[in-house]
C-alpha atoms as a PDB file:
ATOM      1  CA  UNK A   1      -3.775  -1.683 -17.958  1.00  0.00           C
ATOM      2  CA  UNK A   2      -2.374   1.014 -15.721  1.00  0.00           C
ATOM      3  CA  UNK A   3       0.389  -0.016 -12.733  1.00  0.00           C
ATOM      4  CA  UNK A   4       0.942   1.990  -9.735  1.00  0.00           C
ATOM      5  CA  UNK A   5       4.153   3.046  -9.231  1.00  0.00           C
ATOM      6  CA  UNK A   6       4.999   2.654  -5.135  1.00  0.00           C
ATOM      7  CA  UNK A   7       7.998   2.821  -2.928  1.00  0.00           C
ATOM      8  CA  UNK A   8      10.612   0.647  -2.840  1.00  0.00           C
ATOM      9  CA  UNK A   9      11.480  -1.114   0.836  1.00  0.00           C
ATOM     10  CA  UNK A  10      14.991   1.048   0.196  1.00  0.00           C
ATOM     11  CA  UNK A  11      12.963   3.893   0.115  1.00  0.00           C
ATOM     12  CA  UNK A  12      10.561   3.272   2.929  1.00  0.00           C
ATOM     13  CA  UNK A  13      14.112   2.559   5.057  1.00  0.00           C
ATOM     14  CA  UNK A  14      15.831   5.692   3.969  1.00  0.00           C
ATOM     15  CA  UNK A  15      12.465   7.558   5.259  1.00  0.00           C
ATOM     16  CA  UNK A  16      12.451   5.915   8.423  1.00  0.00           C
ATOM     17  CA  UNK A  17      15.992   6.301   9.108  1.00  0.00           C
ATOM     18  CA  UNK A  18      15.608  10.073   8.791  1.00  0.00           C
ATOM     19  CA  UNK A  19      12.755   9.875  11.019  1.00  0.00           C
ATOM     20  CA  UNK A  20      14.670   7.994  13.533  1.00  0.00           C
ATOM     21  CA  UNK A  21      17.616  10.329  13.372  1.00  0.00           C
ATOM     22  CA  UNK A  22      15.644  13.561  13.556  1.00  0.00           C
ATOM     23  CA  UNK A  23      13.569  12.429  16.336  1.00  0.00           C
ATOM     24  CA  UNK A  24      16.730  11.291  18.624  1.00  0.00           C
ATOM     25  CA  UNK A  25      18.733  14.216  17.825  1.00  0.00           C
ATOM     26  CA  UNK A  26      16.242  16.613  19.445  1.00  0.00           C
ATOM     27  CA  UNK A  27      15.803  14.442  22.750  1.00  0.00           C
ATOM     28  CA  UNK A  28      11.931  13.909  22.076  1.00  0.00           C
ATOM     29  CA  UNK A  29       9.452  11.521  23.545  1.00  0.00           C
ATOM     30  CA  UNK A  30      10.544   8.109  21.128  1.00  0.00           C
ATOM     31  CA  UNK A  31       8.042   7.145  18.314  1.00  0.00           C
ATOM     32  CA  UNK A  32       7.182   4.428  15.869  1.00  0.00           C
ATOM     33  CA  UNK A  33       7.146   5.172  12.152  1.00  0.00           C
ATOM     34  CA  UNK A  34       5.357   3.158   9.503  1.00  0.00           C
ATOM     35  CA  UNK A  35       5.548   3.470   5.718  1.00  0.00           C
ATOM     36  CA  UNK A  36       2.891   2.340   3.480  1.00  0.00           C
ATOM     37  CA  UNK A  37       3.033   1.711  -0.323  1.00  0.00           C
ATOM     38  CA  UNK A  38       0.269   2.914  -2.674  1.00  0.00           C
ATOM     39  CA  UNK A  39      -1.919   0.347  -1.652  1.00  0.00           C
ATOM     40  CA  UNK A  40      -2.055   0.852   1.579  1.00  0.00           C
ATOM     41  CA  UNK A  41       0.370  -2.126   2.379  1.00  0.00           C
ATOM     42  CA  UNK A  42       2.856  -2.018   5.018  1.00  0.00           C
ATOM     43  CA  UNK A  43       6.157  -1.851   3.808  1.00  0.00           C
ATOM     44  CA  UNK A  44       8.502  -0.597   5.967  1.00  0.00           C
ATOM     45  CA  UNK A  45       8.149   0.275   9.953  1.00  0.00           C
ATOM     46  CA  UNK A  46      10.090   0.880  12.859  1.00  0.00           C
ATOM     47  CA  UNK A  47       9.663   1.416  16.703  1.00  0.00           C
ATOM     48  CA  UNK A  48      12.496   3.657  18.892  1.00  0.00           C
ATOM     49  CA  UNK A  49      13.018   2.209  22.443  1.00  0.00           C
ATOM     50  CA  UNK A  50      10.505   2.858  25.741  1.00  0.00           C
ATOM     51  CA  UNK A  51       7.894   4.039  22.849  1.00  0.00           C
ATOM     52  CA  UNK A  52       4.427   4.118  23.848  1.00  0.00           C
ATOM     53  CA  UNK A  53       3.310   0.775  22.810  1.00  0.00           C
ATOM     54  CA  UNK A  54       0.209   2.519  21.400  1.00  0.00           C
ATOM     55  CA  UNK A  55       1.480   4.499  19.119  1.00  0.00           C
ATOM     56  CA  UNK A  56       2.758   1.223  17.262  1.00  0.00           C
ATOM     57  CA  UNK A  57      -0.537   0.215  15.604  1.00  0.00           C
ATOM     58  CA  UNK A  58      -1.546   4.130  15.675  1.00  0.00           C
ATOM     59  CA  UNK A  59       1.370   5.177  13.754  1.00  0.00           C
ATOM     60  CA  UNK A  60       0.426   2.088  10.965  1.00  0.00           C
ATOM     61  CA  UNK A  61      -3.194   3.714  11.059  1.00  0.00           C
ATOM     62  CA  UNK A  62      -1.815   7.401  10.495  1.00  0.00           C
ATOM     63  CA  UNK A  63      -0.227   6.184   7.012  1.00  0.00           C
ATOM     64  CA  UNK A  64      -2.895   3.460   5.909  1.00  0.00           C
ATOM     65  CA  UNK A  65      -5.895   6.890   7.017  1.00  0.00           C
ATOM     66  CA  UNK A  66      -2.900   9.147   4.766  1.00  0.00           C
ATOM     67  CA  UNK A  67      -2.914   7.109   1.379  1.00  0.00           C
ATOM     68  CA  UNK A  68      -6.540   6.005   1.776  1.00  0.00           C
ATOM     69  CA  UNK A  69      -7.917   9.579   1.890  1.00  0.00           C
ATOM     70  CA  UNK A  70      -5.165  10.966  -0.683  1.00  0.00           C
ATOM     71  CA  UNK A  71      -4.757  13.433   1.998  1.00  0.00           C
ATOM     72  CA  UNK A  72      -2.314  14.132   5.300  1.00  0.00           C
ATOM     73  CA  UNK A  73      -4.322  13.159   8.341  1.00  0.00           C
ATOM     74  CA  UNK A  74      -3.911  16.590   9.663  1.00  0.00           C
ATOM     75  CA  UNK A  75      -6.957  17.676   7.575  1.00  0.00           C
ATOM     76  CA  UNK A  76      -8.746  15.023   8.874  1.00  0.00           C
ATOM     77  CA  UNK A  77      -7.559  16.788  12.939  1.00  0.00           C
ATOM     78  CA  UNK A  78      -8.456  19.876  11.625  1.00  0.00           C
ATOM     79  CA  UNK A  79     -12.015  18.790  10.324  1.00  0.00           C
ATOM     80  CA  UNK A  80     -12.570  16.878  13.732  1.00  0.00           C
ATOM     81  CA  UNK A  81     -11.218  20.113  15.814  1.00  0.00           C
ATOM     82  CA  UNK A  82     -14.339  22.514  13.824  1.00  0.00           C
ATOM     83  CA  UNK A  83     -16.955  19.423  13.373  1.00  0.00           C
ATOM     84  CA  UNK A  84     -16.659  17.545  16.928  1.00  0.00           C
ATOM     85  CA  UNK A  85     -19.270  14.868  16.155  1.00  0.00           C
ATOM     86  CA  UNK A  86     -17.578  13.745  12.750  1.00  0.00           C
ATOM     87  CA  UNK A  87     -15.901  10.363  12.937  1.00  0.00           C
ATOM     88  CA  UNK A  88     -14.385   9.082   9.490  1.00  0.00           C
ATOM     89  CA  UNK A  89     -14.559   5.476  10.646  1.00  0.00           C
ATOM     90  CA  UNK A  90     -18.223   5.758  10.147  1.00  0.00           C
ATOM     91  CA  UNK A  91     -17.927   6.179   6.693  1.00  0.00           C
ATOM     92  CA  UNK A  92     -14.182   4.011   6.187  1.00  0.00           C
ATOM     93  CA  UNK A  93     -12.959   1.496   8.294  1.00  0.00           C
ATOM     94  CA  UNK A  94     -12.380   1.345  12.065  1.00  0.00           C
ATOM     95  CA  UNK A  95      -9.130   2.189  11.695  1.00  0.00           C
ATOM     96  CA  UNK A  96      -8.968   5.085  10.176  1.00  0.00           C
ATOM     97  CA  UNK A  97      -7.599   8.517  12.476  1.00  0.00           C
ATOM     98  CA  UNK A  98      -8.314  12.126  13.139  1.00  0.00           C
ATOM     99  CA  UNK A  99      -4.829  12.332  14.790  1.00  0.00           C
ATOM    100  CA  UNK A 100      -2.250  14.046  12.547  1.00  0.00           C
ATOM    101  CA  UNK A 101       1.161  12.261  11.802  1.00  0.00           C
ATOM    102  CA  UNK A 102      -0.554  10.469   8.769  1.00  0.00           C
ATOM    103  CA  UNK A 103       1.555  12.423   5.744  1.00  0.00           C
ATOM    104  CA  UNK A 104       0.936  11.391   1.934  1.00  0.00           C
ATOM    105  CA  UNK A 105       4.429  10.604  -0.250  1.00  0.00           C
ATOM    106  CA  UNK A 106       4.321  11.976  -3.974  1.00  0.00           C
ATOM    107  CA  UNK A 107       6.527  11.257  -6.620  1.00  0.00           C
ATOM    108  CA  UNK A 108       6.213  12.441  -9.940  1.00  0.00           C
ATOM    109  CA  UNK A 109       3.115  13.698  -8.548  1.00  0.00           C
ATOM    110  CA  UNK A 110       1.670  10.748  -8.616  1.00  0.00           C
ATOM    111  CA  UNK A 111       0.692   8.844  -4.573  1.00  0.00           C
ATOM    112  CA  UNK A 112       3.390   6.452  -3.939  1.00  0.00           C
ATOM    113  CA  UNK A 113       2.836   6.025  -0.525  1.00  0.00           C
ATOM    114  CA  UNK A 114       2.122   7.162   3.139  1.00  0.00           C
ATOM    115  CA  UNK A 115       4.629   7.818   6.193  1.00  0.00           C
ATOM    116  CA  UNK A 116       2.651   7.534  10.221  1.00  0.00           C
ATOM    117  CA  UNK A 117       4.369   8.924  13.047  1.00  0.00           C
ATOM    118  CA  UNK A 118       3.521   8.410  16.541  1.00  0.00           C
ATOM    119  CA  UNK A 119       4.387   8.737  19.630  1.00  0.00           C
ATOM    120  CA  UNK A 120       4.394  12.533  20.258  1.00  0.00           C
ATOM    121  CA  UNK A 121       1.713  15.375  20.411  1.00  0.00           C
ATOM    122  CA  UNK A 122       0.281  14.888  16.658  1.00  0.00           C
ATOM    123  CA  UNK A 123       1.372  18.527  15.696  1.00  0.00           C
ATOM    124  CA  UNK A 124       3.366  21.605  17.035  1.00  0.00           C
ATOM    125  CA  UNK A 125       2.109  23.706  19.363  1.00  0.00           C
ATOM    126  CA  UNK A 126       3.102  27.549  18.988  1.00  0.00           C
ATOM    127  CA  UNK A 127       5.975  27.679  21.827  1.00  0.00           C
ATOM    128  CA  UNK A 128       7.402  24.163  21.209  1.00  0.00           C
ATOM    129  CA  UNK A 129      10.594  24.261  18.842  1.00  0.00           C
ATOM    130  CA  UNK A 130      10.180  20.653  19.197  1.00  0.00           C
ATOM    131  CA  UNK A 131       9.167  18.694  15.864  1.00  0.00           C
ATOM    132  CA  UNK A 132       6.034  16.557  16.709  1.00  0.00           C
ATOM    133  CA  UNK A 133       4.424  13.279  14.619  1.00  0.00           C
ATOM    134  CA  UNK A 134       3.306  15.705  11.404  1.00  0.00           C
ATOM    135  CA  UNK A 135       6.477  17.601  11.468  1.00  0.00           C
ATOM    136  CA  UNK A 136       8.758  14.895  11.993  1.00  0.00           C
ATOM    137  CA  UNK A 137       6.222  13.111   8.543  1.00  0.00           C
ATOM    138  CA  UNK A 138       6.375  16.363   7.182  1.00  0.00           C
ATOM    139  CA  UNK A 139      10.158  16.853   6.953  1.00  0.00           C
ATOM    140  CA  UNK A 140      11.058  13.314   5.704  1.00  0.00           C
ATOM    141  CA  UNK A 141       8.794  13.941   2.664  1.00  0.00           C
ATOM    142  CA  UNK A 142       9.826  16.916   1.609  1.00  0.00           C
ATOM    143  CA  UNK A 143      13.531  15.159   1.804  1.00  0.00           C
ATOM    144  CA  UNK A 144      11.978  12.164   0.192  1.00  0.00           C
ATOM    145  CA  UNK A 145      10.126  14.133  -2.566  1.00  0.00           C
ATOM    146  CA  UNK A 146      13.406  16.868  -3.353  1.00  0.00           C
ATOM    147  CA  UNK A 147      15.574  13.466  -3.758  1.00  0.00           C
ATOM    148  CA  UNK A 148      17.597  14.499  -0.642  1.00  0.00           C
ATOM    149  CA  UNK A 149      17.514  11.202   1.363  1.00  0.00           C
END
């Protein structure tokens, strides 16, 4: 029988701490952060003070969409931009989202979970120096995968 490796609660909390720290120090809008395991179930969650209420569920949806599709949700956002009629909910589930900010996490080249960040724009605009949802998630994922958390 194959055993799936997944994020531990401690690892998920380290990821949340990293994102919260970055988001706090860049003076951008507050965010919600969700971390799911390889099974797509919520492992850890945090919402910064004064975060937009809808971002709580959107963060969870981004993380679940990323792990279910085994790809960052930026892929789906780009697909939606190219094909406006595309709606992933038609073939998956009602919580599927085409907003960037969901990022898969790999450990030893295996999927172990995903991060969802919501509360800012989904991705950085060229003139903006502030991290948006996608960049906050990618930065934490990269730090985790390099053993820096």
